[in-house]
Protein backbone atom coordinates (compact mmCIF):
# COMPACT_ATOMS: atom_id res chain seq x y z
CA MET A 1 8.80 -2.45 -12.88
CA ILE A 2 7.34 0.57 -11.63
CA HIS A 3 4.84 2.70 -13.07
CA ASP A 4 4.91 7.01 -12.26
CA GLN A 5 1.11 7.30 -13.92
CA PHE A 6 -1.44 4.82 -12.37
CA GLU A 7 -2.96 4.18 -16.19
CA ASP A 8 0.70 2.81 -17.01
CA PHE A 9 0.13 0.77 -14.03
CA ALA A 10 -3.52 -0.30 -14.73
CA ALA A 11 -2.14 -1.49 -17.89
CA ALA A 12 0.59 -3.58 -16.71
CA LEU A 13 -1.97 -5.58 -14.48
CA GLN A 14 -2.84 -9.23 -14.81
CA PRO A 15 -6.29 -9.80 -14.73
CA MET A 16 -7.04 -12.01 -11.60
CA HIS A 17 -4.51 -11.07 -8.92
CA ALA A 18 -5.27 -9.68 -6.52
CA LEU A 19 -3.36 -6.28 -5.57
CA MET A 20 -1.11 -5.89 -2.78
CA GLY A 21 -1.41 -2.04 -0.87
CA LEU A 22 1.75 -0.27 1.02
CA ASP A 23 1.25 2.46 3.38
CA LEU A 24 4.98 2.43 4.25
CA GLY A 25 6.29 4.75 7.72
CA GLU A 26 9.42 5.13 9.54
CA LYS A 27 9.31 2.20 11.80
CA THR A 28 6.54 0.12 10.33
CA ILE A 29 4.36 -0.94 6.66
CA GLY A 30 0.71 -1.76 6.42
CA VAL A 31 -0.68 -4.40 4.40
CA ALA A 32 -3.15 -5.20 3.17
CA VAL A 33 -4.96 -6.91 -0.12
CA SER A 34 -7.44 -7.02 -2.57
CA ASP A 35 -9.61 -9.82 -3.29
CA ARG A 36 -8.78 -11.51 -7.40
CA MET A 37 -12.06 -9.70 -8.83
CA ARG A 38 -10.75 -6.34 -7.09
CA GLY A 39 -12.88 -5.64 -5.55
CA ILE A 40 -12.37 -4.86 -1.37
CA ALA A 41 -9.60 -3.81 0.10
CA SER A 42 -8.47 -5.76 3.34
CA PRO A 43 -6.09 -4.70 5.90
CA ILE A 44 -4.23 -7.59 6.96
CA GLU A 45 -0.99 -6.87 8.18
CA THR A 46 1.49 -4.47 10.25
CA VAL A 47 5.67 -5.93 9.63
CA ARG A 48 7.38 -3.84 12.17
CA ARG A 49 10.41 -2.17 9.96
CA LYS A 50 13.96 -3.75 10.56
CA LYS A 51 15.88 -3.16 7.77
CA PHE A 52 15.11 -3.56 3.88
CA THR A 53 16.12 -6.98 3.17
CA LEU A 54 13.90 -8.62 5.75
CA ASP A 55 10.78 -6.20 5.17
CA SER A 56 10.55 -7.09 1.32
CA ALA A 57 11.54 -10.78 1.91
CA ARG A 58 8.03 -10.88 4.13
CA LEU A 59 6.25 -8.43 1.63
CA LEU A 60 7.23 -10.64 -1.32
CA GLU A 61 6.47 -14.01 1.17
CA LEU A 62 2.95 -12.08 1.46
CA ALA A 63 3.10 -11.67 -1.77
CA ALA A 64 3.46 -14.48 -3.55
CA HIS A 65 1.28 -16.78 -1.01
CA ARG A 66 -1.23 -14.41 -1.31
CA GLU A 67 -1.08 -13.86 -6.02
CA ILE A 68 -0.59 -11.06 -6.25
CA GLY A 69 -0.99 -9.04 -9.08
CA GLY A 70 1.00 -5.95 -8.42
CA ILE A 71 1.90 -3.74 -5.56
CA VAL A 72 0.29 0.43 -4.62
CA LEU A 73 2.51 2.27 -2.20
CA GLY A 74 1.23 5.33 -1.02
CA LEU A 75 2.41 8.05 -1.68
CA PRO A 76 2.64 10.26 1.46
CA LYS A 77 1.86 13.85 -0.82
CA ASN A 78 2.39 17.02 1.22
CA MET A 79 -1.29 19.02 1.21
CA ASP A 80 -0.11 21.07 -1.61
CA GLY A 81 0.98 18.54 -3.73
CA THR A 82 4.27 18.72 -3.80
CA GLU A 83 6.86 15.74 -3.41
CA GLY A 84 8.80 15.65 -0.23
CA PRO A 85 11.68 13.26 1.70
CA ARG A 86 8.61 11.14 2.50
CA CYS A 87 7.59 11.05 -1.48
CA GLN A 88 11.78 10.67 -1.98
CA SER A 89 12.14 7.70 0.59
CA THR A 90 9.16 5.57 -0.53
CA ARG A 91 10.84 6.32 -4.32
CA ALA A 92 13.57 4.48 -3.08
CA PHE A 93 11.48 1.91 -1.20
CA ALA A 94 10.40 0.58 -4.94
CA ARG A 95 13.01 1.40 -6.91
CA ASN A 96 14.22 -1.53 -4.31
CA LEU A 97 11.73 -3.35 -3.52
CA SER A 98 11.12 -3.53 -8.33
CA ARG A 99 14.85 -4.91 -8.09
CA LEU A 100 13.32 -8.06 -6.37
CA THR A 101 10.28 -9.36 -8.21
CA ASP A 102 8.65 -8.85 -11.81
CA LEU A 103 5.22 -7.38 -10.49
CA PRO A 104 4.28 -3.49 -11.37
CA VAL A 105 4.32 -1.81 -9.29
CA GLY A 106 2.17 1.72 -8.56
CA PHE A 107 1.66 4.95 -6.49
CA TRP A 108 -1.66 6.61 -5.13
CA ASP A 109 -1.57 9.06 -3.51
CA GLU A 110 -2.15 8.64 -0.06
CA ARG A 111 -3.28 11.76 1.78
CA LEU A 112 -5.56 11.57 4.55
CA SER A 113 -5.35 8.02 4.07
CA THR A 114 -4.13 7.88 7.90
CA VAL A 115 -6.85 10.79 9.02
CA ALA A 116 -9.25 8.56 7.38
CA ALA A 117 -8.63 4.65 8.90
CA GLU A 118 -7.55 6.76 12.57
CA LYS A 119 -11.40 7.87 11.55
CA ALA A 120 -12.91 5.21 11.45
CA LEU A 121 -11.19 3.30 14.59
CA LEU A 122 -12.50 5.67 16.47
CA GLU A 123 -15.56 5.23 15.51
CA ALA A 124 -15.29 1.71 16.12
CA ASP A 125 -14.57 2.27 19.89
CA THR A 126 -11.18 0.95 19.05
CA THR A 127 -8.74 1.24 22.06
CA ARG A 128 -6.07 4.11 21.95
CA LYS A 129 -3.22 0.52 22.48
CA ARG A 130 -5.58 -1.40 19.64
CA ARG A 131 -6.05 1.62 17.14
CA GLY A 132 -1.38 1.89 17.77
CA GLN A 133 -1.65 -1.23 16.79
CA VAL A 134 -3.65 -1.34 13.51
CA ILE A 135 -3.16 2.23 11.91
CA ASP A 136 -0.51 1.60 9.52
CA HIS A 137 -2.58 -1.56 7.95
CA VAL A 138 -5.99 0.73 8.04
CA ALA A 139 -4.64 3.17 6.00
CA ALA A 140 -3.14 0.50 3.86
CA GLY A 141 -6.55 -0.76 2.88
CA TYR A 142 -7.60 3.44 2.31
CA ILE A 143 -4.65 3.12 -0.35
CA LEU A 144 -5.48 0.11 -1.89
CA GLN A 145 -9.02 0.36 -1.70
CA GLY A 146 -8.78 4.17 -3.41
CA ALA A 147 -6.64 2.06 -6.27
CA LEU A 148 -9.23 -0.04 -6.71
CA ASP A 149 -12.20 2.00 -6.90
CA ARG A 150 -9.77 3.85 -9.04
CA LEU A 151 -9.38 0.90 -11.65
CA ARG A 152 -12.64 -0.31 -12.10
CA ALA A 153 -13.07 4.09 -13.58
CA LEU A 154 -10.65 2.84 -16.19
């Protein structure tokens, strides 16, 4: 089920289950997961997008393997808070994914997550090639960590 309000998403979660964070790009999907206590987000993988059936199968395989209890998608709002075509695309992906799983699906405002990920990788002196390989799942980690921090505050 999709939850537009983060508080509703939080209420739908079962205790002691990890969460999965997704950074949806046009060509890739960055994936991060939390621990069962939902304290720390860890970037794990970048899925190369092919078509929805293959992409969703990989995501749900990861979710099953890691005993995920909910999925957080980064919602790419404009800097002024409005929603554009990328948000519509993310919401469509969420609708399609929610048809394939009973896991709660929620959204997290991802403004500046890629910028923060890029900055962290630059500070770690990561090569340009390596940054390109990991930026999406590192951004997913920032998205998920933001959501985890908010959950602790509720």
